PDB file of N, CA and C in Angstrom:
ATOM      1  N   MET A   1      50.226  86.108 -98.268  1.00  0.00           N
ATOM      2  CA  MET A   1      51.077  84.985 -98.010  1.00  0.00           C
ATOM      3  C   MET A   1      51.626  85.078 -96.595  1.00  0.00           C
ATOM      4  N   VAL A   2      51.679  83.939 -95.965  1.00  0.00           N
ATOM      5  CA  VAL A   2      52.134  83.875 -94.585  1.00  0.00           C
ATOM      6  C   VAL A   2      53.398  83.024 -94.524  1.00  0.00           C
ATOM      7  N   TYR A   3      54.487  83.596 -94.023  1.00  0.00           N
ATOM      8  CA  TYR A   3      55.683  82.805 -93.754  1.00  0.00           C
ATOM      9  C   TYR A   3      55.564  82.272 -92.336  1.00  0.00           C
ATOM     10  N   ILE A   4      55.643  80.980 -92.196  1.00  0.00           N
ATOM     11  CA  ILE A   4      55.577  80.359 -90.879  1.00  0.00           C
ATOM     12  C   ILE A   4      57.007  80.073 -90.443  1.00  0.00           C
ATOM     13  N   SER A   5      57.365  80.504 -89.250  1.00  0.00           N
ATOM     14  CA  SER A   5      58.752  80.375 -88.803  1.00  0.00           C
ATOM     15  C   SER A   5      59.044  79.044 -88.122  1.00  0.00           C
ATOM     16  N   SER A   6      58.035  78.375 -87.593  1.00  0.00           N
ATOM     17  CA  SER A   6      58.233  77.101 -86.908  1.00  0.00           C
ATOM     18  C   SER A   6      57.962  75.946 -87.869  1.00  0.00           C
ATOM     19  N   TRP A   7      58.915  75.000 -87.959  1.00  0.00           N
ATOM     20  CA  TRP A   7      58.733  73.866 -88.862  1.00  0.00           C
ATOM     21  C   TRP A   7      57.518  73.028 -88.474  1.00  0.00           C
ATOM     22  N   GLN A   8      57.339  72.766 -87.186  1.00  0.00           N
ATOM     23  CA  GLN A   8      56.224  71.928 -86.730  1.00  0.00           C
ATOM     24  C   GLN A   8      54.891  72.559 -87.117  1.00  0.00           C
ATOM     25  N   GLU A   9      54.767  73.867 -86.933  1.00  0.00           N
ATOM     26  CA  GLU A   9      53.539  74.566 -87.317  1.00  0.00           C
ATOM     27  C   GLU A   9      53.317  74.473 -88.819  1.00  0.00           C
ATOM     28  N   TYR A  10      54.393  74.659 -89.603  1.00  0.00           N
ATOM     29  CA  TYR A  10      54.257  74.591 -91.056  1.00  0.00           C
ATOM     30  C   TYR A  10      53.825  73.203 -91.506  1.00  0.00           C
ATOM     31  N   GLN A  11      54.443  72.174 -90.970  1.00  0.00           N
ATOM     32  CA  GLN A  11      54.109  70.811 -91.377  1.00  0.00           C
ATOM     33  C   GLN A  11      52.651  70.485 -91.048  1.00  0.00           C
ATOM     34  N   GLU A  12      52.215  70.823 -89.853  1.00  0.00           N
ATOM     35  CA  GLU A  12      50.828  70.558 -89.463  1.00  0.00           C
ATOM     36  C   GLU A  12      49.852  71.354 -90.328  1.00  0.00           C
ATOM     37  N   ALA A  13      50.160  72.627 -90.581  1.00  0.00           N
ATOM     38  CA  ALA A  13      49.276  73.465 -91.391  1.00  0.00           C
ATOM     39  C   ALA A  13      49.233  72.982 -92.842  1.00  0.00           C
ATOM     40  N   ALA A  14      50.384  72.563 -93.379  1.00  0.00           N
ATOM     41  CA  ALA A  14      50.440  72.074 -94.760  1.00  0.00           C
ATOM     42  C   ALA A  14      49.623  70.790 -94.920  1.00  0.00           C
ATOM     43  N   GLU A  15      49.769  69.863 -93.988  1.00  0.00           N
ATOM     44  CA  GLU A  15      49.013  68.615 -94.070  1.00  0.00           C
ATOM     45  C   GLU A  15      47.516  68.868 -93.875  1.00  0.00           C
ATOM     46  N   ALA A  16      47.161  69.786 -92.992  1.00  0.00           N
ATOM     47  CA  ALA A  16      45.748  70.122 -92.780  1.00  0.00           C
ATOM     48  C   ALA A  16      45.163  70.790 -94.016  1.00  0.00           C
ATOM     49  N   LEU A  17      45.929  71.664 -94.654  1.00  0.00           N
ATOM     50  CA  LEU A  17      45.453  72.332 -95.867  1.00  0.00           C
ATOM     51  C   LEU A  17      45.203  71.322 -96.968  1.00  0.00           C
ATOM     52  N   TYR A  18      46.101  70.354 -97.120  1.00  0.00           N
ATOM     53  CA  TYR A  18      45.896  69.326 -98.141  1.00  0.00           C
ATOM     54  C   TYR A  18      44.681  68.463 -97.818  1.00  0.00           C
ATOM     55  N   GLU A  19      44.490  68.120 -96.553  1.00  0.00           N
ATOM     56  CA  GLU A  19      43.327  67.316 -96.159  1.00  0.00           C
ATOM     57  C   GLU A  19      42.023  68.064 -96.430  1.00  0.00           C
ATOM     58  N   LYS A  20      42.053  69.383 -96.242  1.00  0.00           N
ATOM     59  CA  LYS A  20      40.851  70.200 -96.429  1.00  0.00           C
ATOM     60  C   LYS A  20      40.421  70.262 -97.892  1.00  0.00           C
ATOM     61  N   SER A  21      41.368  70.424 -98.795  1.00  0.00           N
ATOM     62  CA  SER A  21      41.020  70.545-100.214  1.00  0.00           C
ATOM     63  C   SER A  21      42.081  69.877-101.095  1.00  0.00           C
ATOM     64  N   PRO A  22      42.053  68.553-101.172  1.00  0.00           N
ATOM     65  CA  PRO A  22      43.092  67.835-101.918  1.00  0.00           C
ATOM     66  C   PRO A  22      43.054  68.075-103.432  1.00  0.00           C
ATOM     67  N   ASN A  23      41.909  68.420-103.987  1.00  0.00           N
ATOM     68  CA  ASN A  23      41.813  68.587-105.440  1.00  0.00           C
ATOM     69  C   ASN A  23      42.380  69.910-105.936  1.00  0.00           C
ATOM     70  N   THR A  24      42.463  70.906-105.069  1.00  0.00           N
ATOM     71  CA  THR A  24      42.940  72.212-105.516  1.00  0.00           C
ATOM     72  C   THR A  24      44.270  72.630-104.899  1.00  0.00           C
ATOM     73  N   THR A  25      44.826  71.816-104.030  1.00  0.00           N
ATOM     74  CA  THR A  25      46.068  72.179-103.337  1.00  0.00           C
ATOM     75  C   THR A  25      47.276  71.950-104.238  1.00  0.00           C
ATOM     76  N   ARG A  26      48.167  72.949-104.257  1.00  0.00           N
ATOM     77  CA  ARG A  26      49.422  72.859-105.004  1.00  0.00           C
ATOM     78  C   ARG A  26      50.578  73.036-104.027  1.00  0.00           C
ATOM     79  N   TYR A  27      51.675  72.345-104.308  1.00  0.00           N
ATOM     80  CA  TYR A  27      52.849  72.362-103.439  1.00  0.00           C
ATOM     81  C   TYR A  27      54.061  72.690-104.298  1.00  0.00           C
ATOM     82  N   CYS A  28      54.809  73.697-103.902  1.00  0.00           N
ATOM     83  CA  CYS A  28      55.941  74.160-104.700  1.00  0.00           C
ATOM     84  C   CYS A  28      57.203  74.201-103.831  1.00  0.00           C
ATOM     85  N   VAL A  29      58.311  73.742-104.395  1.00  0.00           N
ATOM     86  CA  VAL A  29      59.602  73.753-103.707  1.00  0.00           C
ATOM     87  C   VAL A  29      60.572  74.563-104.554  1.00  0.00           C
ATOM     88  N   LYS A  30      61.254  75.518-103.918  1.00  0.00           N
ATOM     89  CA  LYS A  30      62.253  76.323-104.632  1.00  0.00           C
ATOM     90  C   LYS A  30      63.571  76.295-103.870  1.00  0.00           C
ATOM     91  N   TRP A  31      64.645  76.188-104.619  1.00  0.00           N
ATOM     92  CA  TRP A  31      65.984  76.260-104.043  1.00  0.00           C
ATOM     93  C   TRP A  31      66.713  77.386-104.763  1.00  0.00           C
ATOM     94  N   ARG A  32      67.220  78.323-103.997  1.00  0.00           N
ATOM     95  CA  ARG A  32      67.960  79.434-104.587  1.00  0.00           C
ATOM     96  C   ARG A  32      69.397  79.403-104.082  1.00  0.00           C
ATOM     97  N   GLN A  33      70.318  79.343-105.013  1.00  0.00           N
ATOM     98  CA  GLN A  33      71.735  79.310-104.680  1.00  0.00           C
ATOM     99  C   GLN A  33      72.266  80.736-104.712  1.00  0.00           C
ATOM    100  N   ALA A  34      72.899  81.162-103.651  1.00  0.00           N
ATOM    101  CA  ALA A  34      73.495  82.495-103.589  1.00  0.00           C
ATOM    102  C   ALA A  34      74.915  82.446-104.140  1.00  0.00           C
ATOM    103  N   ALA A  35      75.449  83.612-104.456  1.00  0.00           N
ATOM    104  CA  ALA A  35      76.797  83.695-105.014  1.00  0.00           C
ATOM    105  C   ALA A  35      77.859  83.255-104.008  1.00  0.00           C
ATOM    106  N   ASP A  36      77.570  83.411-102.718  1.00  0.00           N
ATOM    107  CA  ASP A  36      78.546  83.025-101.692  1.00  0.00           C
ATOM    108  C   ASP A  36      78.500  81.544-101.348  1.00  0.00           C
ATOM    109  N   GLY A  37      77.674  80.775-102.047  1.00  0.00           N
ATOM    110  CA  GLY A  37      77.593  79.339-101.812  1.00  0.00           C
ATOM    111  C   GLY A  37      76.465  78.921-100.889  1.00  0.00           C
ATOM    112  N   ALA A  38      75.906  79.871-100.171  1.00  0.00           N
ATOM    113  CA  ALA A  38      74.780  79.557 -99.290  1.00  0.00           C
ATOM    114  C   ALA A  38      73.516  79.433-100.129  1.00  0.00           C
ATOM    115  N   GLY A  39      72.595  78.624 -99.676  1.00  0.00           N
ATOM    116  CA  GLY A  39      71.348  78.444-100.399  1.00  0.00           C
ATOM    117  C   GLY A  39      70.161  78.741 -99.516  1.00  0.00           C
ATOM    118  N   LYS A  40      69.015  78.900-100.161  1.00  0.00           N
ATOM    119  CA  LYS A  40      67.781  79.159 -99.431  1.00  0.00           C
ATOM    120  C   LYS A  40      66.704  78.220 -99.973  1.00  0.00           C
ATOM    121  N   LEU A  41      66.060  77.484 -99.077  1.00  0.00           N
ATOM    122  CA  LEU A  41      64.975  76.585 -99.427  1.00  0.00           C
ATOM    123  C   LEU A  41      63.655  77.265 -99.086  1.00  0.00           C
ATOM    124  N   VAL A  42      62.741  77.344-100.072  1.00  0.00           N
ATOM    125  CA  VAL A  42      61.435  77.950 -99.860  1.00  0.00           C
ATOM    126  C   VAL A  42      60.370  76.924-100.239  1.00  0.00           C
ATOM    127  N   LEU A  43      59.476  76.627 -99.301  1.00  0.00           N
ATOM    128  CA  LEU A  43      58.356  75.709 -99.530  1.00  0.00           C
ATOM    129  C   LEU A  43      57.077  76.517 -99.532  1.00  0.00           C
ATOM    130  N   LYS A  44      56.192  76.204-100.458  1.00  0.00           N
ATOM    131  CA  LYS A  44      54.929  76.929-100.559  1.00  0.00           C
ATOM    132  C   LYS A  44      53.822  75.921-100.836  1.00  0.00           C
ATOM    133  N   ILE A  45      52.723  76.053-100.114  1.00  0.00           N
ATOM    134  CA  ILE A  45      51.545  75.220-100.372  1.00  0.00           C
ATOM    135  C   ILE A  45      50.330  76.134-100.369  1.00  0.00           C
ATOM    136  N   THR A  46      49.464  75.964-101.364  1.00  0.00           N
ATOM    137  CA  THR A  46      48.305  76.831-101.501  1.00  0.00           C
ATOM    138  C   THR A  46      47.108  76.062-102.042  1.00  0.00           C
ATOM    139  N   ASP A  47      45.930  76.529-101.689  1.00  0.00           N
ATOM    140  CA  ASP A  47      44.694  75.979-102.252  1.00  0.00           C
ATOM    141  C   ASP A  47      43.878  77.087-102.924  1.00  0.00           C
ATOM    142  N   ASN A  48      44.533  78.137-103.361  1.00  0.00           N
ATOM    143  CA  ASN A  48      43.955  79.306-104.023  1.00  0.00           C
ATOM    144  C   ASN A  48      43.273  80.278-103.075  1.00  0.00           C
ATOM    145  N   THR A  49      43.055  79.911-101.825  1.00  0.00           N
ATOM    146  CA  THR A  49      42.517  80.863-100.847  1.00  0.00           C
ATOM    147  C   THR A  49      43.496  81.073 -99.703  1.00  0.00           C
ATOM    148  N   THR A  50      44.217  80.029 -99.341  1.00  0.00           N
ATOM    149  CA  THR A  50      45.210  80.092 -98.269  1.00  0.00           C
ATOM    150  C   THR A  50      46.570  79.758 -98.848  1.00  0.00           C
ATOM    151  N   CYS A  51      47.565  80.553 -98.500  1.00  0.00           N
ATOM    152  CA  CYS A  51      48.927  80.312 -98.974  1.00  0.00           C
ATOM    153  C   CYS A  51      49.859  80.299 -97.772  1.00  0.00           C
ATOM    154  N   LEU A  52      50.580  79.189 -97.600  1.00  0.00           N
ATOM    155  CA  LEU A  52      51.512  79.037 -96.493  1.00  0.00           C
ATOM    156  C   LEU A  52      52.912  78.875 -97.052  1.00  0.00           C
ATOM    157  N   LYS A  53      53.881  79.585 -96.450  1.00  0.00           N
ATOM    158  CA  LYS A  53      55.258  79.504 -96.927  1.00  0.00           C
ATOM    159  C   LYS A  53      56.204  79.295 -95.750  1.00  0.00           C
ATOM    160  N   PHE A  54      57.304  78.608 -96.058  1.00  0.00           N
ATOM    161  CA  PHE A  54      58.356  78.381 -95.077  1.00  0.00           C
ATOM    162  C   PHE A  54      59.682  78.559 -95.797  1.00  0.00           C
ATOM    163  N   LYS A  55      60.613  79.276 -95.185  1.00  0.00           N
ATOM    164  CA  LYS A  55      61.938  79.418 -95.796  1.00  0.00           C
ATOM    165  C   LYS A  55      63.010  79.203 -94.745  1.00  0.00           C
ATOM    166  N   THR A  56      64.131  78.672 -95.220  1.00  0.00           N
ATOM    167  CA  THR A  56      65.255  78.413 -94.323  1.00  0.00           C
ATOM    168  C   THR A  56      66.569  78.466 -95.091  1.00  0.00           C
ATOM    169  N   HIS A  57      67.626  78.780 -94.377  1.00  0.00           N
ATOM    170  CA  HIS A  57      68.981  78.728 -94.914  1.00  0.00           C
ATOM    171  C   HIS A  57      69.734  77.547 -94.300  1.00  0.00           C
ATOM    172  N   SER A  58      69.111  76.838 -93.377  1.00  0.00           N
ATOM    173  CA  SER A  58      69.767  75.785 -92.613  1.00  0.00           C
ATOM    174  C   SER A  58      69.580  74.413 -93.266  1.00  0.00           C
ATOM    175  N   SER A  59      70.642  73.625 -93.295  1.00  0.00           N
ATOM    176  CA  SER A  59      70.554  72.266 -93.841  1.00  0.00           C
ATOM    177  C   SER A  59      69.938  71.294 -92.842  1.00  0.00           C
ATOM    178  N   VAL A  60      69.688  71.727 -91.622  1.00  0.00           N
ATOM    179  CA  VAL A  60      69.083  70.892 -90.594  1.00  0.00           C
ATOM    180  C   VAL A  60      67.680  70.448 -91.016  1.00  0.00           C
ATOM    181  N   PHE A  61      67.010  71.255 -91.823  1.00  0.00           N
ATOM    182  CA  PHE A  61      65.629  70.974 -92.198  1.00  0.00           C
ATOM    183  C   PHE A  61      65.500  69.988 -93.352  1.00  0.00           C
ATOM    184  N   LEU A  62      66.600  69.531 -93.936  1.00  0.00           N
ATOM    185  CA  LEU A  62      66.496  68.644 -95.091  1.00  0.00           C
ATOM    186  C   LEU A  62      65.822  67.317 -94.764  1.00  0.00           C
ATOM    187  N   ASN A  63      66.130  66.706 -93.614  1.00  0.00           N
ATOM    188  CA  ASN A  63      65.460  65.458 -93.234  1.00  0.00           C
ATOM    189  C   ASN A  63      63.982  65.691 -92.976  1.00  0.00           C
ATOM    190  N   ARG A  64      63.662  66.799 -92.351  1.00  0.00           N
ATOM    191  CA  ARG A  64      62.255  67.128 -92.097  1.00  0.00           C
ATOM    192  C   ARG A  64      61.532  67.391 -93.407  1.00  0.00           C
ATOM    193  N   PHE A  65      62.212  68.051 -94.322  1.00  0.00           N
ATOM    194  CA  PHE A  65      61.659  68.318 -95.646  1.00  0.00           C
ATOM    195  C   PHE A  65      61.359  67.012 -96.374  1.00  0.00           C
ATOM    196  N   ASP A  66      62.285  66.050 -96.308  1.00  0.00           N
ATOM    197  CA  ASP A  66      62.055  64.733 -96.917  1.00  0.00           C
ATOM    198  C   ASP A  66      60.840  64.040 -96.306  1.00  0.00           C
ATOM    199  N   ALA A  67      60.706  64.122 -94.994  1.00  0.00           N
ATOM    200  CA  ALA A  67      59.573  63.483 -94.314  1.00  0.00           C
ATOM    201  C   ALA A  67      58.249  64.126 -94.737  1.00  0.00           C
ATOM    202  N   LEU A  68      58.231  65.456 -94.863  1.00  0.00           N
ATOM    203  CA  LEU A  68      57.009  66.142 -95.310  1.00  0.00           C
ATOM    204  C   LEU A  68      56.679  65.755 -96.737  1.00  0.00           C
ATOM    205  N   ASN A  69      57.677  65.716 -97.617  1.00  0.00           N
ATOM    206  CA  ASN A  69      57.443  65.307 -99.003  1.00  0.00           C
ATOM    207  C   ASN A  69      56.859  63.899 -99.071  1.00  0.00           C
ATOM    208  N   LEU A  70      57.430  62.977 -98.306  1.00  0.00           N
ATOM    209  CA  LEU A  70      56.941  61.605 -98.288  1.00  0.00           C
ATOM    210  C   LEU A  70      55.491  61.549 -97.810  1.00  0.00           C
ATOM    211  N   SER A  71      55.195  62.281 -96.751  1.00  0.00           N
ATOM    212  CA  SER A  71      53.838  62.305 -96.207  1.00  0.00           C
ATOM    213  C   SER A  71      52.838  62.857 -97.225  1.00  0.00           C
ATOM    214  N   LEU A  72      53.180  63.979 -97.863  1.00  0.00           N
ATOM    215  CA  LEU A  72      52.267  64.571 -98.846  1.00  0.00           C
ATOM    216  C   LEU A  72      52.114  63.685-100.077  1.00  0.00           C
ATOM    217  N   MET A  73      53.202  63.077-100.539  1.00  0.00           N
ATOM    218  CA  MET A  73      53.112  62.204-101.711  1.00  0.00           C
ATOM    219  C   MET A  73      52.250  60.972-101.427  1.00  0.00           C
ATOM    220  N   GLN A  74      52.353  60.417-100.221  1.00  0.00           N
ATOM    221  CA  GLN A  74      51.514  59.278 -99.869  1.00  0.00           C
ATOM    222  C   GLN A  74      50.045  59.690 -99.833  1.00  0.00           C
ATOM    223  N   ARG A  75      49.763  60.867 -99.323  1.00  0.00           N
ATOM    224  CA  ARG A  75      48.377  61.340 -99.302  1.00  0.00           C
ATOM    225  C   ARG A  75      47.875  61.600-100.716  1.00  0.00           C
ATOM    226  N   MET A  76      48.728  62.152-101.570  1.00  0.00           N
ATOM    227  CA  MET A  76      48.324  62.430-102.942  1.00  0.00           C
ATOM    228  C   MET A  76      48.071  61.152-103.720  1.00  0.00           C
ATOM    229  N   GLN A  77      48.774  60.080-103.357  1.00  0.00           N
ATOM    230  CA  GLN A  77      48.580  58.790-104.016  1.00  0.00           C
ATOM    231  C   GLN A  77      47.562  57.921-103.287  1.00  0.00           C
ATOM    232  N   ASN A  78      47.008  58.449-102.194  1.00  0.00           N
ATOM    233  CA  ASN A  78      46.025  57.736-101.392  1.00  0.00           C
ATOM    234  C   ASN A  78      46.601  56.431-100.848  1.00  0.00           C
ATOM    235  N   ARG A  79      47.819  56.502-100.327  1.00  0.00           N
ATOM    236  CA  ARG A  79      48.475  55.338 -99.745  1.00  0.00           C
ATOM    237  C   ARG A  79      48.746  55.583 -98.272  1.00  0.00           C
ATOM    238  N   ARG A  80      48.769  54.508 -97.538  1.00  0.00           N
ATOM    239  CA  ARG A  80      49.164  54.572 -96.136  1.00  0.00           C
ATOM    240  C   ARG A  80      50.607  54.166 -96.008  1.00  0.00           C
ATOM    241  N   PRO A  81      51.313  54.693 -95.029  1.00  0.00           N
ATOM    242  CA  PRO A  81      52.726  54.279 -94.867  1.00  0.00           C
ATOM    243  C   PRO A  81      52.808  52.783 -94.601  1.00  0.00           C
ATOM    244  N   THR A  82      53.755  52.125 -95.262  1.00  0.00           N
ATOM    245  CA  THR A  82      53.917  50.689 -95.088  1.00  0.00           C
ATOM    246  C   THR A  82      54.835  50.407 -93.925  1.00  0.00           C
ATOM    247  N   GLN A  83      54.512  49.370 -93.196  1.00  0.00           N
ATOM    248  CA  GLN A  83      55.340  48.936 -92.070  1.00  0.00           C
ATOM    249  C   GLN A  83      56.360  47.948 -92.624  1.00  0.00           C
ATOM    250  N   PRO A  84      57.609  48.027 -92.176  1.00  0.00           N
ATOM    251  CA  PRO A  84      58.598  47.060 -92.645  1.00  0.00           C
ATOM    252  C   PRO A  84      58.188  45.658 -92.229  1.00  0.00           C
ATOM    253  N   SER A  85      58.181  44.765 -93.184  1.00  0.00           N
ATOM    254  CA  SER A  85      57.770  43.397 -92.881  1.00  0.00           C
ATOM    255  C   SER A  85      58.981  42.598 -92.386  1.00  0.00           C
ATOM    256  N   THR A  86      58.688  41.717 -91.473  1.00  0.00           N
ATOM    257  CA  THR A  86      59.751  40.855 -90.965  1.00  0.00           C
ATOM    258  C   THR A  86      59.681  39.529 -91.699  1.00  0.00           C
ATOM    259  N   ALA A  87      60.829  39.047 -92.099  1.00  0.00           N
ATOM    260  CA  ALA A  87      60.886  37.779 -92.825  1.00  0.00           C
ATOM    261  C   ALA A  87      60.644  36.634 -91.869  1.00  0.00           C
ATOM    262  N   PRO A  88      59.823  35.647 -92.279  1.00  0.00           N
ATOM    263  CA  PRO A  88      59.583  34.503 -91.399  1.00  0.00           C
ATOM    264  C   PRO A  88      60.866  33.692 -91.203  1.00  0.00           C
ATOM    265  N   SER A  89      61.058  33.213 -89.987  1.00  0.00           N
ATOM    266  CA  SER A  89      62.275  32.449 -89.690  1.00  0.00           C
ATOM    267  C   SER A  89      62.076  30.981 -89.959  1.00  0.00           C
TER     268      SER A  89
END
């Protein structure tokens, strides 16, 4: 297992891993609450041969985490991101 320390590297590697083998890729999210109130977020994606992990204690990554989840879910559903439509005047 490889812990990737850079978010950008993890996101690119996770999306590439899913593109490489979408039928066997699994994505796991874990949140661990510590007794002192601090938490740890651990993301793991694997295709049974490659395992990539990312962990953080910082809440700064929550928006990035949401964006990665949205991107992976759209790929898993075979959807493209929708553009906001403008209402005709």
